[in-house]
Amino acid sequence: MVPFLAAYIGYSISDRAALAPCAISAWVGNSFGAGFFGALIAGMIGGLVVYYLKKSPYIKFCAR
């Protein structure tokens, strides 16, 4: 249940692109015992990283 929380926190920050990275990072964190607060942190960090990667001009240049 915890990875779904992180996935939708990332989704609220940065659309569909953040679902998988946030869910995977929360799943790994949960296996180490991070729990609820680990999911919050994973969702926020993953969502913000994907958000800024989507705004990066270098990424848009490489996607051509």
C-alpha atoms as a PDB file:
ATOM      1  CA  MET A   1       0.000   0.000   0.000  1.00  0.00           C
ATOM      2  CA  VAL A   2       2.899   2.337   0.723  1.00  0.00           C
ATOM      3  CA  PRO A   3       4.276   2.394  -2.862  1.00  0.00           C
ATOM      4  CA  PHE A   4       0.855   3.471  -4.152  1.00  0.00           C
ATOM      5  CA  LEU A   5       0.906   6.439  -1.793  1.00  0.00           C
ATOM      6  CA  ALA A   6       4.309   7.546  -3.067  1.00  0.00           C
ATOM      7  CA  ALA A   7       3.284   6.967  -6.674  1.00  0.00           C
ATOM      8  CA  TYR A   8       0.274   9.243  -6.399  1.00  0.00           C
ATOM      9  CA  ILE A   9       2.206  11.896  -4.501  1.00  0.00           C
ATOM     10  CA  GLY A  10       4.628  11.942  -7.430  1.00  0.00           C
ATOM     11  CA  TYR A  11       1.681  11.935  -9.840  1.00  0.00           C
ATOM     12  CA  SER A  12       0.238  15.023  -8.172  1.00  0.00           C
ATOM     13  CA  ILE A  13       3.536  16.862  -8.578  1.00  0.00           C
ATOM     14  CA  SER A  14       4.524  15.715 -12.062  1.00  0.00           C
ATOM     15  CA  ASP A  15       1.907  13.866 -14.101  1.00  0.00           C
ATOM     16  CA  ARG A  16       2.160  10.247 -15.294  1.00  0.00           C
ATOM     17  CA  ALA A  17       5.916  10.228 -15.779  1.00  0.00           C
ATOM     18  CA  ALA A  18       6.509  10.111 -12.019  1.00  0.00           C
ATOM     19  CA  LEU A  19       4.288   7.113 -11.215  1.00  0.00           C
ATOM     20  CA  ALA A  20       6.835   4.342 -11.775  1.00  0.00           C
ATOM     21  CA  PRO A  21       9.954   6.029 -10.306  1.00  0.00           C
ATOM     22  CA  CYS A  22       8.125   6.990  -7.121  1.00  0.00           C
ATOM     23  CA  ALA A  23       6.480   3.593  -6.703  1.00  0.00           C
ATOM     24  CA  ILE A  24       9.768   1.759  -7.194  1.00  0.00           C
ATOM     25  CA  SER A  25      11.658   4.026  -4.807  1.00  0.00           C
ATOM     26  CA  ALA A  26       8.966   3.626  -2.139  1.00  0.00           C
ATOM     27  CA  TRP A  27       8.951  -0.145  -2.641  1.00  0.00           C
ATOM     28  CA  VAL A  28      12.717  -0.267  -2.097  1.00  0.00           C
ATOM     29  CA  GLY A  29      12.420   2.059   0.886  1.00  0.00           C
ATOM     30  CA  ASN A  30       9.641  -0.034   2.364  1.00  0.00           C
ATOM     31  CA  SER A  31      11.797  -3.158   2.152  1.00  0.00           C
ATOM     32  CA  PHE A  32      14.326  -1.341   4.361  1.00  0.00           C
ATOM     33  CA  GLY A  33      11.626  -0.334   6.844  1.00  0.00           C
ATOM     34  CA  ALA A  34      11.090   3.295   5.828  1.00  0.00           C
ATOM     35  CA  GLY A  35       7.294   2.994   6.039  1.00  0.00           C
ATOM     36  CA  PHE A  36       4.858   5.879   5.688  1.00  0.00           C
ATOM     37  CA  PHE A  37       7.353   8.719   6.047  1.00  0.00           C
ATOM     38  CA  GLY A  38       9.703   7.049   3.604  1.00  0.00           C
ATOM     39  CA  ALA A  39       6.867   6.977   1.083  1.00  0.00           C
ATOM     40  CA  LEU A  40       6.219  10.678   1.622  1.00  0.00           C
ATOM     41  CA  ILE A  41       9.870  11.511   1.052  1.00  0.00           C
ATOM     42  CA  ALA A  42      10.165   9.175  -1.963  1.00  0.00           C
ATOM     43  CA  GLY A  43       7.040  10.643  -3.547  1.00  0.00           C
ATOM     44  CA  MET A  44       8.160  14.225  -3.081  1.00  0.00           C
ATOM     45  CA  ILE A  45      11.728  13.685  -4.238  1.00  0.00           C
ATOM     46  CA  GLY A  46      10.719  11.516  -7.185  1.00  0.00           C
ATOM     47  CA  GLY A  47       8.005  13.924  -8.271  1.00  0.00           C
ATOM     48  CA  LEU A  48      10.293  16.940  -8.079  1.00  0.00           C
ATOM     49  CA  VAL A  49      13.123  15.210  -9.947  1.00  0.00           C
ATOM     50  CA  VAL A  50      10.793  14.200 -12.773  1.00  0.00           C
ATOM     51  CA  TYR A  51       9.216  17.676 -12.799  1.00  0.00           C
ATOM     52  CA  TYR A  52      12.574  19.393 -13.267  1.00  0.00           C
ATOM     53  CA  LEU A  53      13.766  16.805 -15.779  1.00  0.00           C
ATOM     54  CA  LYS A  54      10.674  17.510 -17.875  1.00  0.00           C
ATOM     55  CA  LYS A  55      11.500  21.229 -17.828  1.00  0.00           C
ATOM     56  CA  SER A  56      15.160  20.717 -18.758  1.00  0.00           C
ATOM     57  CA  PRO A  57      16.050  22.022 -22.230  1.00  0.00           C
ATOM     58  CA  TYR A  58      18.815  19.418 -22.602  1.00  0.00           C
ATOM     59  CA  ILE A  59      16.362  16.540 -22.205  1.00  0.00           C
ATOM     60  CA  LYS A  60      14.085  18.066 -24.855  1.00  0.00           C
ATOM     61  CA  PHE A  61      17.064  18.465 -27.191  1.00  0.00           C
ATOM     62  CA  CYS A  62      18.070  14.808 -26.783  1.00  0.00           C
ATOM     63  CA  ALA A  63      14.515  13.569 -27.359  1.00  0.00           C
ATOM     64  CA  ARG A  64      14.450  14.779 -30.963  1.00  0.00           C
END
